[in-house]
Amino acid sequence: MNWAWENRSYIGDLIGEHAILAFVPLLIGLVLALPLGVLVAYSRRSRFPILALCTFLQAIPALTFFIVFPSLLDTKLNDRINVVVGLSLLVLGLLTRAVAEAVVAVPAHVRLAADSMGMSGFARTTKVELPVALPAIVAALRTAAVLCVTLATAAAILGVRGLGTLFIEGYDTGFETEVLVGIALVGLIAFGADVALVRAARFLAPWSKLVTIR
């Protein structure tokens, strides 16, 4: 632990780099998945191709994205953007399906009540269906957050700085403490993100009983 304290500035920089790699894709994926998931929920014609694409994105190993994107995006192998785009696509694949299923699962009487109040389709979706579906969406978002935090460590293999750098350096030098510090920090960040999302869901949807959030 003395090593961690003595190198706290360096570790702090790596934590910041890792947070960008993990949470920027999470935000991008969520922003894109919300409208796409609603589209899938309402459009039978688009449901199969979009969900098939989501399955395809989830089936591709994250490291494959990191290696392939430099040639597609005209970037260097160790550029952060490759990781951000790759993880964004993985989150998009996971959350689009979750949003669609959550919206479809909204009880019919809730939709009927919104319609009887004269709400437009857009108002019903944004003010009724998505808030009711929020706990289920957050449950998927929690899974995506943990995946992003852990998968971002793989980027260190390609020279992208993050907490995975501690794994690479510790392995190369045979210094186990550095590896253990990296493992502990990744676990703490993943746990912290999970707790933050649970608290956010309880704050934003305290009324919901559709999905129990623990």
C-alpha atoms as a PDB file:
ATOM      1  CA  MET A   1       0.000   0.000   0.000  1.00  0.00           C
ATOM      2  CA  ASN A   2       3.011   2.269   0.460  1.00  0.00           C
ATOM      3  CA  TRP A   3       3.581   1.998  -3.284  1.00  0.00           C
ATOM      4  CA  ALA A   4       0.022   3.145  -3.996  1.00  0.00           C
ATOM      5  CA  TRP A   5       0.395   6.155  -1.726  1.00  0.00           C
ATOM      6  CA  GLU A   6       3.771   7.120  -3.141  1.00  0.00           C
ATOM      7  CA  ASN A   7       2.397   6.901  -6.676  1.00  0.00           C
ATOM      8  CA  ARG A   8      -1.009   8.427  -5.929  1.00  0.00           C
ATOM      9  CA  SER A   9      -0.611  11.181  -8.526  1.00  0.00           C
ATOM     10  CA  TYR A  10       0.177   8.669 -11.263  1.00  0.00           C
ATOM     11  CA  ILE A  11      -2.677   6.408 -10.171  1.00  0.00           C
ATOM     12  CA  GLY A  12      -5.046   9.371 -10.068  1.00  0.00           C
ATOM     13  CA  ASP A  13      -4.192  10.195 -13.682  1.00  0.00           C
ATOM     14  CA  LEU A  14      -4.879   6.590 -14.688  1.00  0.00           C
ATOM     15  CA  ILE A  15      -8.227   6.641 -12.870  1.00  0.00           C
ATOM     16  CA  GLY A  16      -9.210   9.765 -14.811  1.00  0.00           C
ATOM     17  CA  GLU A  17      -8.175   8.179 -18.101  1.00  0.00           C
ATOM     18  CA  HIS A  18     -10.073   5.004 -17.223  1.00  0.00           C
ATOM     19  CA  ALA A  19     -13.206   6.945 -16.294  1.00  0.00           C
ATOM     20  CA  ILE A  20     -13.224   8.541 -19.746  1.00  0.00           C
ATOM     21  CA  LEU A  21     -12.773   5.164 -21.439  1.00  0.00           C
ATOM     22  CA  ALA A  22     -15.593   3.598 -19.427  1.00  0.00           C
ATOM     23  CA  PHE A  23     -18.238   6.257 -18.858  1.00  0.00           C
ATOM     24  CA  VAL A  24     -18.161   8.304 -22.063  1.00  0.00           C
ATOM     25  CA  PRO A  25     -19.186   5.201 -24.078  1.00  0.00           C
ATOM     26  CA  LEU A  26     -21.846   4.470 -21.476  1.00  0.00           C
ATOM     27  CA  LEU A  27     -23.365   7.924 -21.961  1.00  0.00           C
ATOM     28  CA  ILE A  28     -23.103   7.792 -25.765  1.00  0.00           C
ATOM     29  CA  GLY A  29     -24.657   4.327 -25.880  1.00  0.00           C
ATOM     30  CA  LEU A  30     -27.537   5.379 -23.631  1.00  0.00           C
ATOM     31  CA  VAL A  31     -28.312   8.522 -25.647  1.00  0.00           C
ATOM     32  CA  LEU A  32     -28.411   6.510 -28.889  1.00  0.00           C
ATOM     33  CA  ALA A  33     -30.228   3.498 -27.423  1.00  0.00           C
ATOM     34  CA  LEU A  34     -33.207   5.405 -26.014  1.00  0.00           C
ATOM     35  CA  PRO A  35     -34.703   6.548 -29.342  1.00  0.00           C
ATOM     36  CA  LEU A  36     -33.608   3.371 -31.105  1.00  0.00           C
ATOM     37  CA  GLY A  37     -35.193   1.185 -28.417  1.00  0.00           C
ATOM     38  CA  VAL A  38     -38.453   3.140 -28.612  1.00  0.00           C
ATOM     39  CA  LEU A  39     -38.426   2.715 -32.397  1.00  0.00           C
ATOM     40  CA  VAL A  40     -37.993  -1.038 -32.015  1.00  0.00           C
ATOM     41  CA  ALA A  41     -40.837  -1.155 -29.494  1.00  0.00           C
ATOM     42  CA  TYR A  42     -43.263   0.571 -31.858  1.00  0.00           C
ATOM     43  CA  SER A  43     -42.131  -0.556 -35.306  1.00  0.00           C
ATOM     44  CA  ARG A  44     -42.508  -4.253 -36.079  1.00  0.00           C
ATOM     45  CA  ARG A  45     -40.817  -3.739 -39.441  1.00  0.00           C
ATOM     46  CA  SER A  46     -37.606  -2.437 -37.867  1.00  0.00           C
ATOM     47  CA  ARG A  47     -37.598  -4.828 -34.921  1.00  0.00           C
ATOM     48  CA  PHE A  48     -35.838  -7.809 -36.475  1.00  0.00           C
ATOM     49  CA  PRO A  49     -33.016  -6.007 -38.342  1.00  0.00           C
ATOM     50  CA  ILE A  50     -32.199  -3.679 -35.439  1.00  0.00           C
ATOM     51  CA  LEU A  51     -32.239  -6.414 -32.801  1.00  0.00           C
ATOM     52  CA  ALA A  52     -30.200  -8.670 -35.091  1.00  0.00           C
ATOM     53  CA  LEU A  53     -27.628  -5.894 -35.398  1.00  0.00           C
ATOM     54  CA  CYS A  54     -27.613  -5.469 -31.617  1.00  0.00           C
ATOM     55  CA  THR A  55     -26.943  -9.187 -31.172  1.00  0.00           C
ATOM     56  CA  PHE A  56     -24.113  -8.953 -33.702  1.00  0.00           C
ATOM     57  CA  LEU A  57     -22.531  -6.028 -31.854  1.00  0.00           C
ATOM     58  CA  GLN A  58     -22.705  -7.867 -28.534  1.00  0.00           C
ATOM     59  CA  ALA A  59     -21.164 -10.997 -30.050  1.00  0.00           C
ATOM     60  CA  ILE A  60     -17.995  -9.239 -31.233  1.00  0.00           C
ATOM     61  CA  PRO A  61     -15.169  -9.268 -28.637  1.00  0.00           C
ATOM     62  CA  ALA A  62     -14.312  -5.766 -27.459  1.00  0.00           C
ATOM     63  CA  LEU A  63     -10.642  -6.196 -28.322  1.00  0.00           C
ATOM     64  CA  THR A  64     -11.625  -6.834 -31.949  1.00  0.00           C
ATOM     65  CA  PHE A  65     -13.247  -3.395 -32.103  1.00  0.00           C
ATOM     66  CA  PHE A  66     -10.128  -1.799 -30.652  1.00  0.00           C
ATOM     67  CA  ILE A  67      -7.922  -3.442 -33.289  1.00  0.00           C
ATOM     68  CA  VAL A  68     -10.181  -2.932 -36.325  1.00  0.00           C
ATOM     69  CA  PHE A  69     -11.231   0.672 -35.781  1.00  0.00           C
ATOM     70  CA  PRO A  70      -7.805   2.271 -36.411  1.00  0.00           C
ATOM     71  CA  SER A  71      -8.049   1.258 -40.069  1.00  0.00           C
ATOM     72  CA  LEU A  72     -11.696   2.341 -40.301  1.00  0.00           C
ATOM     73  CA  LEU A  73     -11.300   5.635 -38.467  1.00  0.00           C
ATOM     74  CA  ASP A  74      -7.801   6.438 -39.719  1.00  0.00           C
ATOM     75  CA  THR A  75      -6.458   6.576 -36.166  1.00  0.00           C
ATOM     76  CA  LYS A  76      -3.479   5.116 -34.367  1.00  0.00           C
ATOM     77  CA  LEU A  77      -3.760   1.797 -32.557  1.00  0.00           C
ATOM     78  CA  ASN A  78      -3.279   3.448 -29.171  1.00  0.00           C
ATOM     79  CA  ASP A  79      -5.781   6.289 -29.731  1.00  0.00           C
ATOM     80  CA  ARG A  80      -8.487   6.566 -27.094  1.00  0.00           C
ATOM     81  CA  ILE A  81     -11.205   7.126 -29.689  1.00  0.00           C
ATOM     82  CA  ASN A  82     -10.990   3.489 -30.823  1.00  0.00           C
ATOM     83  CA  VAL A  83     -11.928   2.295 -27.354  1.00  0.00           C
ATOM     84  CA  VAL A  84     -14.667   4.900 -26.908  1.00  0.00           C
ATOM     85  CA  VAL A  85     -16.329   4.006 -30.212  1.00  0.00           C
ATOM     86  CA  GLY A  86     -15.978   0.260 -29.654  1.00  0.00           C
ATOM     87  CA  LEU A  87     -17.478   0.305 -26.165  1.00  0.00           C
ATOM     88  CA  SER A  88     -20.205   2.711 -27.312  1.00  0.00           C
ATOM     89  CA  LEU A  89     -21.329   0.144 -29.876  1.00  0.00           C
ATOM     90  CA  LEU A  90     -21.330  -2.618 -27.273  1.00  0.00           C
ATOM     91  CA  VAL A  91     -23.435  -0.486 -24.918  1.00  0.00           C
ATOM     92  CA  LEU A  92     -25.743   0.451 -27.797  1.00  0.00           C
ATOM     93  CA  GLY A  93     -26.347  -3.222 -28.582  1.00  0.00           C
ATOM     94  CA  LEU A  94     -27.108  -4.061 -24.971  1.00  0.00           C
ATOM     95  CA  LEU A  95     -29.284  -1.074 -24.105  1.00  0.00           C
ATOM     96  CA  THR A  96     -31.330  -0.910 -27.311  1.00  0.00           C
ATOM     97  CA  ARG A  97     -32.800  -4.330 -26.625  1.00  0.00           C
ATOM     98  CA  ALA A  98     -33.335  -3.472 -22.947  1.00  0.00           C
ATOM     99  CA  VAL A  99     -35.130  -0.201 -23.739  1.00  0.00           C
ATOM    100  CA  ALA A 100     -37.361  -1.885 -26.313  1.00  0.00           C
ATOM    101  CA  GLU A 101     -38.333  -4.693 -23.927  1.00  0.00           C
ATOM    102  CA  ALA A 102     -38.924  -2.248 -21.078  1.00  0.00           C
ATOM    103  CA  VAL A 103     -41.211  -0.036 -23.177  1.00  0.00           C
ATOM    104  CA  VAL A 104     -43.160  -3.027 -24.529  1.00  0.00           C
ATOM    105  CA  ALA A 105     -43.633  -4.248 -20.940  1.00  0.00           C
ATOM    106  CA  VAL A 106     -45.412  -1.058 -19.845  1.00  0.00           C
ATOM    107  CA  PRO A 107     -48.944  -2.143 -18.816  1.00  0.00           C
ATOM    108  CA  ALA A 108     -51.696  -1.455 -21.321  1.00  0.00           C
ATOM    109  CA  HIS A 109     -53.826   0.374 -18.760  1.00  0.00           C
ATOM    110  CA  VAL A 110     -51.002   2.883 -18.246  1.00  0.00           C
ATOM    111  CA  ARG A 111     -50.968   3.655 -21.969  1.00  0.00           C
ATOM    112  CA  LEU A 112     -54.763   3.847 -22.001  1.00  0.00           C
ATOM    113  CA  ALA A 113     -54.729   6.339 -19.130  1.00  0.00           C
ATOM    114  CA  ALA A 114     -52.212   8.508 -20.988  1.00  0.00           C
ATOM    115  CA  ASP A 115     -54.306   8.377 -24.164  1.00  0.00           C
ATOM    116  CA  SER A 116     -57.457   9.292 -22.260  1.00  0.00           C
ATOM    117  CA  MET A 117     -55.682  12.422 -21.014  1.00  0.00           C
ATOM    118  CA  GLY A 118     -55.162  13.493 -24.623  1.00  0.00           C
ATOM    119  CA  MET A 119     -51.406  12.991 -24.686  1.00  0.00           C
ATOM    120  CA  SER A 120     -49.664  12.841 -28.048  1.00  0.00           C
ATOM    121  CA  GLY A 121     -47.543   9.822 -28.893  1.00  0.00           C
ATOM    122  CA  PHE A 122     -44.335  11.704 -28.108  1.00  0.00           C
ATOM    123  CA  ALA A 123     -45.667  12.994 -24.790  1.00  0.00           C
ATOM    124  CA  ARG A 124     -46.908   9.542 -23.802  1.00  0.00           C
ATOM    125  CA  THR A 125     -43.514   8.026 -24.558  1.00  0.00           C
ATOM    126  CA  THR A 126     -41.415  10.643 -22.773  1.00  0.00           C
ATOM    127  CA  LYS A 127     -43.693  11.444 -19.841  1.00  0.00           C
ATOM    128  CA  VAL A 128     -45.290   8.054 -19.148  1.00  0.00           C
ATOM    129  CA  GLU A 129     -43.739   5.011 -20.806  1.00  0.00           C
ATOM    130  CA  LEU A 130     -40.054   5.791 -20.358  1.00  0.00           C
ATOM    131  CA  PRO A 131     -40.450   6.847 -16.704  1.00  0.00           C
ATOM    132  CA  VAL A 132     -42.398   3.649 -15.970  1.00  0.00           C
ATOM    133  CA  ALA A 133     -39.783   1.607 -17.824  1.00  0.00           C
ATOM    134  CA  LEU A 134     -36.899   3.395 -16.101  1.00  0.00           C
ATOM    135  CA  PRO A 135     -36.094   0.730 -13.464  1.00  0.00           C
ATOM    136  CA  ALA A 136     -35.712  -1.967 -16.122  1.00  0.00           C
ATOM    137  CA  ILE A 137     -33.572   0.359 -18.235  1.00  0.00           C
ATOM    138  CA  VAL A 138     -31.381   1.187 -15.251  1.00  0.00           C
ATOM    139  CA  ALA A 139     -30.940  -2.523 -14.532  1.00  0.00           C
ATOM    140  CA  ALA A 140     -29.462  -2.954 -18.018  1.00  0.00           C
ATOM    141  CA  LEU A 141     -27.446   0.227 -17.590  1.00  0.00           C
ATOM    142  CA  ARG A 142     -25.891  -1.203 -14.429  1.00  0.00           C
ATOM    143  CA  THR A 143     -24.732  -4.245 -16.377  1.00  0.00           C
ATOM    144  CA  ALA A 144     -23.373  -2.042 -19.152  1.00  0.00           C
ATOM    145  CA  ALA A 145     -21.510   0.150 -16.654  1.00  0.00           C
ATOM    146  CA  VAL A 146     -19.713  -2.803 -15.087  1.00  0.00           C
ATOM    147  CA  LEU A 147     -18.862  -4.182 -18.541  1.00  0.00           C
ATOM    148  CA  CYS A 148     -17.396  -0.848 -19.640  1.00  0.00           C
ATOM    149  CA  VAL A 149     -15.298  -0.490 -16.506  1.00  0.00           C
ATOM    150  CA  THR A 150     -13.862  -3.987 -16.863  1.00  0.00           C
ATOM    151  CA  LEU A 151     -13.484  -4.105 -20.651  1.00  0.00           C
ATOM    152  CA  ALA A 152     -11.696  -0.748 -20.708  1.00  0.00           C
ATOM    153  CA  THR A 153      -8.767  -2.438 -18.979  1.00  0.00           C
ATOM    154  CA  ALA A 154      -8.153  -4.494 -22.149  1.00  0.00           C
ATOM    155  CA  ALA A 155      -7.256  -1.293 -23.988  1.00  0.00           C
ATOM    156  CA  ALA A 156      -3.935  -1.230 -22.135  1.00  0.00           C
ATOM    157  CA  ILE A 157      -2.782  -4.142 -24.312  1.00  0.00           C
ATOM    158  CA  LEU A 158      -2.794  -1.704 -27.238  1.00  0.00           C
ATOM    159  CA  GLY A 159      -1.090   1.059 -25.281  1.00  0.00           C
ATOM    160  CA  VAL A 160      -4.173   3.062 -24.295  1.00  0.00           C
ATOM    161  CA  ARG A 161      -3.680   4.463 -20.799  1.00  0.00           C
ATOM    162  CA  GLY A 162      -6.081   3.448 -18.046  1.00  0.00           C
ATOM    163  CA  LEU A 163      -6.118   1.200 -15.015  1.00  0.00           C
ATOM    164  CA  GLY A 164      -5.222  -1.695 -17.297  1.00  0.00           C
ATOM    165  CA  THR A 165      -1.802  -0.033 -17.539  1.00  0.00           C
ATOM    166  CA  LEU A 166      -1.162  -1.149 -13.958  1.00  0.00           C
ATOM    167  CA  PHE A 167      -1.791  -4.746 -15.013  1.00  0.00           C
ATOM    168  CA  ILE A 168       0.623  -4.527 -17.941  1.00  0.00           C
ATOM    169  CA  GLU A 169       3.363  -2.779 -15.974  1.00  0.00           C
ATOM    170  CA  GLY A 170       2.977  -5.071 -12.978  1.00  0.00           C
ATOM    171  CA  TYR A 171       3.121  -8.169 -15.158  1.00  0.00           C
ATOM    172  CA  ASP A 172       6.160  -6.931 -17.115  1.00  0.00           C
ATOM    173  CA  THR A 173       8.117  -6.108 -13.961  1.00  0.00           C
ATOM    174  CA  GLY A 174       6.812  -8.954 -11.834  1.00  0.00           C
ATOM    175  CA  PHE A 175       5.522  -6.428  -9.281  1.00  0.00           C
ATOM    176  CA  GLU A 176       2.343  -8.018  -7.917  1.00  0.00           C
ATOM    177  CA  THR A 177       1.370  -5.009  -5.786  1.00  0.00           C
ATOM    178  CA  GLU A 178       0.783  -2.889  -8.882  1.00  0.00           C
ATOM    179  CA  VAL A 179      -1.478  -5.558 -10.351  1.00  0.00           C
ATOM    180  CA  LEU A 180      -3.429  -5.916  -7.098  1.00  0.00           C
ATOM    181  CA  VAL A 181      -3.894  -2.153  -6.838  1.00  0.00           C
ATOM    182  CA  GLY A 182      -5.269  -2.120 -10.375  1.00  0.00           C
ATOM    183  CA  ILE A 183      -7.687  -4.946  -9.622  1.00  0.00           C
ATOM    184  CA  ALA A 184      -8.896  -3.234  -6.448  1.00  0.00           C
ATOM    185  CA  LEU A 185      -9.440   0.092  -8.194  1.00  0.00           C
ATOM    186  CA  VAL A 186     -11.345  -1.456 -11.099  1.00  0.00           C
ATOM    187  CA  GLY A 187     -13.575  -3.279  -8.629  1.00  0.00           C
ATOM    188  CA  LEU A 188     -14.185  -0.134  -6.587  1.00  0.00           C
ATOM    189  CA  ILE A 189     -15.062   1.946  -9.651  1.00  0.00           C
ATOM    190  CA  ALA A 190     -17.446  -0.724 -10.933  1.00  0.00           C
ATOM    191  CA  PHE A 191     -19.084  -1.000  -7.514  1.00  0.00           C
ATOM    192  CA  GLY A 192     -19.324   2.779  -7.181  1.00  0.00           C
ATOM    193  CA  ALA A 193     -20.950   3.106 -10.597  1.00  0.00           C
ATOM    194  CA  ASP A 194     -23.467   0.405  -9.719  1.00  0.00           C
ATOM    195  CA  VAL A 195     -24.387   2.063  -6.418  1.00  0.00           C
ATOM    196  CA  ALA A 196     -24.703   5.472  -8.102  1.00  0.00           C
ATOM    197  CA  LEU A 197     -27.086   4.104 -10.728  1.00  0.00           C
ATOM    198  CA  VAL A 198     -29.236   2.381  -8.091  1.00  0.00           C
ATOM    199  CA  ARG A 199     -29.525   5.596  -6.104  1.00  0.00           C
ATOM    200  CA  ALA A 200     -30.303   7.563  -9.250  1.00  0.00           C
ATOM    201  CA  ALA A 201     -33.089   5.128 -10.147  1.00  0.00           C
ATOM    202  CA  ARG A 202     -34.591   5.338  -6.677  1.00  0.00           C
ATOM    203  CA  PHE A 203     -34.525   9.121  -6.882  1.00  0.00           C
ATOM    204  CA  LEU A 204     -35.955   9.376 -10.397  1.00  0.00           C
ATOM    205  CA  ALA A 205     -38.562   6.618 -10.089  1.00  0.00           C
ATOM    206  CA  PRO A 206     -39.472   6.178  -6.421  1.00  0.00           C
ATOM    207  CA  TRP A 207     -43.010   5.151  -7.325  1.00  0.00           C
ATOM    208  CA  SER A 208     -42.184   2.192  -9.534  1.00  0.00           C
ATOM    209  CA  LYS A 209     -42.923  -1.349  -8.415  1.00  0.00           C
ATOM    210  CA  LEU A 210     -42.372  -2.991 -11.819  1.00  0.00           C
ATOM    211  CA  VAL A 211     -38.757  -3.907 -11.100  1.00  0.00           C
ATOM    212  CA  THR A 212     -37.277  -4.207  -7.638  1.00  0.00           C
ATOM    213  CA  ILE A 213     -33.899  -2.502  -7.520  1.00  0.00           C
ATOM    214  CA  ARG A 214     -31.460  -3.713  -4.903  1.00  0.00           C
END
